[in-house]
Amino acid sequence: MADRGYGWDHKKMRAELVAQLERDGYLICWRCGEPIYPGDEWHVGHDDHDRSIRHGPEHALCNLRAAGLKSQGKLSPIKASRNWWA
């Protein structure tokens, strides 16, 4: 799992984001810029071309849509809505 970008760092980031979601009541999807609320399905988003880079929270549908576009060769570069982990 770590080779695919889901190791300790990923788990730590997700735990931090869960705490932020509980504290603030929402997160912002790095892909679409829309809020993620408690109960929404979401992922810690990886860069589309370098899985060692994590951008931050993203809606599960935003992530899966991007993966589908990438597999079809239709993914254009997407700029993160904010720099979450610089």
N, C-alpha and C. Protein backbone atom coordinates (compact mmCIF):
# COMPACT_ATOMS: atom_id res chain seq x y z
N MET A 1 0.81 -1.20 0.00
CA MET A 1 0.00 0.00 0.00
C MET A 1 0.86 1.27 0.00
N ALA A 2 1.97 1.22 0.72
CA ALA A 2 2.83 2.41 0.77
C ALA A 2 3.37 2.76 -0.61
N ASP A 3 3.67 1.76 -1.43
CA ASP A 3 4.18 2.00 -2.78
C ASP A 3 3.17 2.75 -3.64
N ARG A 4 1.90 2.61 -3.33
CA ARG A 4 0.84 3.27 -4.09
C ARG A 4 0.45 4.62 -3.49
N GLY A 5 1.16 5.03 -2.43
CA GLY A 5 0.89 6.34 -1.85
C GLY A 5 -0.04 6.31 -0.65
N TYR A 6 -0.23 5.16 -0.02
CA TYR A 6 -1.15 5.04 1.10
C TYR A 6 -0.45 4.58 2.38
N GLY A 7 0.76 5.03 2.60
CA GLY A 7 1.53 4.63 3.77
C GLY A 7 1.21 5.49 4.98
N TRP A 8 2.18 5.53 5.91
CA TRP A 8 2.01 6.23 7.17
C TRP A 8 1.69 7.71 6.97
N ASP A 9 2.39 8.38 6.07
CA ASP A 9 2.16 9.81 5.83
C ASP A 9 0.72 10.06 5.38
N HIS A 10 0.23 9.19 4.52
CA HIS A 10 -1.14 9.32 4.03
C HIS A 10 -2.14 9.16 5.18
N LYS A 11 -1.92 8.15 6.00
CA LYS A 11 -2.82 7.91 7.14
C LYS A 11 -2.78 9.07 8.13
N LYS A 12 -1.59 9.61 8.36
CA LYS A 12 -1.45 10.76 9.26
C LYS A 12 -2.20 11.96 8.71
N MET A 13 -2.05 12.25 7.41
CA MET A 13 -2.74 13.37 6.81
C MET A 13 -4.25 13.20 6.90
N ARG A 14 -4.74 11.99 6.63
CA ARG A 14 -6.18 11.74 6.71
C ARG A 14 -6.67 11.98 8.14
N ALA A 15 -5.94 11.50 9.14
CA ALA A 15 -6.34 11.70 10.54
C ALA A 15 -6.40 13.20 10.87
N GLU A 16 -5.43 13.96 10.38
CA GLU A 16 -5.43 15.41 10.61
C GLU A 16 -6.62 16.07 9.94
N LEU A 17 -6.96 15.61 8.74
CA LEU A 17 -8.10 16.18 8.03
C LEU A 17 -9.42 15.80 8.69
N VAL A 18 -9.51 14.58 9.22
CA VAL A 18 -10.72 14.17 9.96
C VAL A 18 -10.90 15.08 11.16
N ALA A 19 -9.82 15.36 11.89
CA ALA A 19 -9.90 16.25 13.04
C ALA A 19 -10.33 17.65 12.62
N GLN A 20 -9.81 18.14 11.50
CA GLN A 20 -10.19 19.46 11.00
C GLN A 20 -11.66 19.47 10.60
N LEU A 21 -12.13 18.43 9.95
CA LEU A 21 -13.54 18.33 9.54
C LEU A 21 -14.44 18.35 10.77
N GLU A 22 -14.06 17.61 11.80
CA GLU A 22 -14.86 17.60 13.03
C GLU A 22 -14.83 18.96 13.72
N ARG A 23 -13.69 19.63 13.70
CA ARG A 23 -13.55 20.93 14.36
C ARG A 23 -14.28 22.05 13.61
N ASP A 24 -14.07 22.09 12.28
CA ASP A 24 -14.58 23.20 11.48
C ASP A 24 -15.94 22.94 10.84
N GLY A 25 -16.32 21.66 10.72
CA GLY A 25 -17.60 21.32 10.11
C GLY A 25 -17.57 21.19 8.61
N TYR A 26 -16.42 21.43 7.99
CA TYR A 26 -16.27 21.25 6.55
C TYR A 26 -14.80 21.28 6.17
N LEU A 27 -14.51 20.73 5.00
CA LEU A 27 -13.22 20.84 4.33
C LEU A 27 -13.50 21.40 2.95
N ILE A 28 -12.48 21.84 2.26
CA ILE A 28 -12.64 22.32 0.89
C ILE A 28 -11.95 21.34 -0.06
N CYS A 29 -12.67 20.87 -1.06
CA CYS A 29 -12.12 19.96 -2.07
C CYS A 29 -11.06 20.71 -2.88
N TRP A 30 -9.87 20.14 -2.94
CA TRP A 30 -8.79 20.82 -3.67
C TRP A 30 -9.06 20.84 -5.16
N ARG A 31 -9.88 19.93 -5.66
CA ARG A 31 -10.15 19.84 -7.09
C ARG A 31 -11.20 20.83 -7.55
N CYS A 32 -12.35 20.84 -6.87
CA CYS A 32 -13.47 21.66 -7.35
C CYS A 32 -13.69 22.92 -6.52
N GLY A 33 -13.06 23.00 -5.33
CA GLY A 33 -13.21 24.18 -4.48
C GLY A 33 -14.50 24.22 -3.69
N GLU A 34 -15.32 23.18 -3.77
CA GLU A 34 -16.59 23.12 -3.05
C GLU A 34 -16.40 22.46 -1.69
N PRO A 35 -17.30 22.74 -0.74
CA PRO A 35 -17.16 22.17 0.60
C PRO A 35 -17.41 20.66 0.65
N ILE A 36 -16.74 20.03 1.57
CA ILE A 36 -16.95 18.63 1.93
C ILE A 36 -17.48 18.67 3.36
N TYR A 37 -18.65 18.09 3.58
CA TYR A 37 -19.29 18.12 4.88
C TYR A 37 -19.21 16.75 5.57
N PRO A 38 -19.37 16.74 6.89
CA PRO A 38 -19.41 15.46 7.60
C PRO A 38 -20.47 14.55 6.96
N GLY A 39 -20.11 13.31 6.74
CA GLY A 39 -21.00 12.36 6.09
C GLY A 39 -20.77 12.22 4.59
N ASP A 40 -20.12 13.22 3.97
CA ASP A 40 -19.76 13.12 2.56
C ASP A 40 -18.62 12.13 2.40
N GLU A 41 -18.59 11.45 1.28
CA GLU A 41 -17.45 10.58 0.98
C GLU A 41 -16.34 11.44 0.40
N TRP A 42 -15.13 11.24 0.93
CA TRP A 42 -13.99 12.03 0.45
C TRP A 42 -12.71 11.22 0.58
N HIS A 43 -11.71 11.66 -0.17
CA HIS A 43 -10.40 11.03 -0.19
C HIS A 43 -9.33 12.07 0.08
N VAL A 44 -8.15 11.61 0.44
CA VAL A 44 -6.97 12.48 0.45
C VAL A 44 -6.43 12.41 -0.98
N GLY A 45 -6.49 13.51 -1.67
CA GLY A 45 -6.16 13.52 -3.09
C GLY A 45 -4.69 13.55 -3.40
N HIS A 46 -4.28 12.63 -4.27
CA HIS A 46 -2.92 12.59 -4.79
C HIS A 46 -2.83 13.43 -6.05
N ASP A 47 -1.64 13.86 -6.35
CA ASP A 47 -1.38 14.50 -7.63
C ASP A 47 -1.67 13.49 -8.74
N ASP A 48 -2.20 13.97 -9.85
CA ASP A 48 -2.58 13.07 -10.94
C ASP A 48 -1.39 12.42 -11.63
N HIS A 49 -0.21 13.00 -11.50
CA HIS A 49 0.94 12.48 -12.22
C HIS A 49 2.09 12.03 -11.30
N ASP A 50 1.99 12.37 -10.03
CA ASP A 50 3.03 11.98 -9.07
C ASP A 50 2.36 11.63 -7.75
N ARG A 51 2.16 10.34 -7.50
CA ARG A 51 1.43 9.88 -6.32
C ARG A 51 2.14 10.19 -5.01
N SER A 52 3.38 10.61 -5.06
CA SER A 52 4.07 10.98 -3.82
C SER A 52 3.62 12.36 -3.32
N ILE A 53 2.90 13.09 -4.16
CA ILE A 53 2.40 14.41 -3.80
C ILE A 53 0.92 14.29 -3.43
N ARG A 54 0.58 14.79 -2.24
CA ARG A 54 -0.82 14.82 -1.82
C ARG A 54 -1.26 16.28 -1.78
N HIS A 55 -2.41 16.56 -2.39
CA HIS A 55 -2.91 17.93 -2.45
C HIS A 55 -3.85 18.27 -1.31
N GLY A 56 -4.55 17.30 -0.76
CA GLY A 56 -5.50 17.57 0.32
C GLY A 56 -6.80 16.85 0.08
N PRO A 57 -7.83 17.26 0.80
CA PRO A 57 -9.11 16.57 0.69
C PRO A 57 -9.76 16.80 -0.66
N GLU A 58 -10.46 15.77 -1.13
CA GLU A 58 -11.25 15.93 -2.35
C GLU A 58 -12.46 15.01 -2.27
N HIS A 59 -13.54 15.45 -2.89
CA HIS A 59 -14.72 14.61 -2.96
C HIS A 59 -14.35 13.29 -3.63
N ALA A 60 -14.94 12.20 -3.16
CA ALA A 60 -14.68 10.90 -3.78
C ALA A 60 -15.03 10.94 -5.27
N LEU A 61 -16.14 11.59 -5.62
CA LEU A 61 -16.53 11.66 -7.03
C LEU A 61 -15.55 12.48 -7.86
N CYS A 62 -15.00 13.54 -7.29
CA CYS A 62 -13.99 14.32 -8.01
C CYS A 62 -12.76 13.46 -8.29
N ASN A 63 -12.34 12.69 -7.29
CA ASN A 63 -11.18 11.82 -7.43
C ASN A 63 -11.43 10.73 -8.47
N LEU A 64 -12.56 10.07 -8.38
CA LEU A 64 -12.86 8.98 -9.30
C LEU A 64 -13.07 9.48 -10.73
N ARG A 65 -13.66 10.64 -10.87
CA ARG A 65 -13.83 11.22 -12.20
C ARG A 65 -12.46 11.50 -12.83
N ALA A 66 -11.55 12.08 -12.05
CA ALA A 66 -10.21 12.36 -12.56
C ALA A 66 -9.49 11.08 -12.95
N ALA A 67 -9.65 10.03 -12.15
CA ALA A 67 -9.01 8.75 -12.48
C ALA A 67 -9.56 8.19 -13.79
N GLY A 68 -10.87 8.32 -13.99
CA GLY A 68 -11.47 7.87 -15.24
C GLY A 68 -10.97 8.66 -16.43
N LEU A 69 -10.88 9.97 -16.28
CA LEU A 69 -10.37 10.81 -17.37
C LEU A 69 -8.91 10.48 -17.66
N LYS A 70 -8.13 10.25 -16.60
CA LYS A 70 -6.72 9.91 -16.80
C LYS A 70 -6.59 8.60 -17.57
N SER A 71 -7.41 7.61 -17.22
CA SER A 71 -7.32 6.31 -17.90
C SER A 71 -7.72 6.42 -19.37
N GLN A 72 -8.50 7.43 -19.71
CA GLN A 72 -8.92 7.64 -21.10
C GLN A 72 -7.99 8.62 -21.83
N GLY A 73 -6.97 9.10 -21.13
CA GLY A 73 -6.05 10.06 -21.74
C GLY A 73 -6.65 11.42 -21.92
N LYS A 74 -7.70 11.75 -21.15
CA LYS A 74 -8.41 13.03 -21.30
C LYS A 74 -8.20 13.98 -20.13
N LEU A 75 -7.29 13.66 -19.24
CA LEU A 75 -7.10 14.49 -18.06
C LEU A 75 -6.20 15.66 -18.38
N SER A 76 -6.72 16.86 -18.19
CA SER A 76 -5.89 18.04 -18.36
C SER A 76 -5.33 18.42 -17.00
N PRO A 77 -4.23 19.13 -16.97
CA PRO A 77 -3.66 19.52 -15.68
C PRO A 77 -4.68 20.32 -14.87
N ILE A 78 -4.80 19.99 -13.59
CA ILE A 78 -5.72 20.69 -12.70
C ILE A 78 -4.90 21.38 -11.63
N LYS A 79 -5.17 22.64 -11.44
CA LYS A 79 -4.47 23.39 -10.40
C LYS A 79 -5.26 23.27 -9.10
N ALA A 80 -4.55 22.99 -8.04
CA ALA A 80 -5.20 22.87 -6.73
C ALA A 80 -5.85 24.20 -6.35
N SER A 81 -7.01 24.11 -5.68
CA SER A 81 -7.70 25.31 -5.25
C SER A 81 -6.94 26.05 -4.17
N ARG A 82 -6.07 25.33 -3.46
CA ARG A 82 -5.20 25.94 -2.44
C ARG A 82 -4.02 25.03 -2.23
N ASN A 83 -2.97 25.57 -1.69
CA ASN A 83 -1.77 24.80 -1.43
C ASN A 83 -1.87 24.25 0.01
N TRP A 84 -2.40 23.05 0.15
CA TRP A 84 -2.72 22.48 1.45
C TRP A 84 -1.50 22.10 2.27
N TRP A 85 -0.47 21.53 1.66
CA TRP A 85 0.58 20.91 2.46
C TRP A 85 1.97 21.34 2.05
N ALA A 86 2.12 22.56 1.65
CA ALA A 86 3.44 23.03 1.22
C ALA A 86 4.36 23.24 2.40
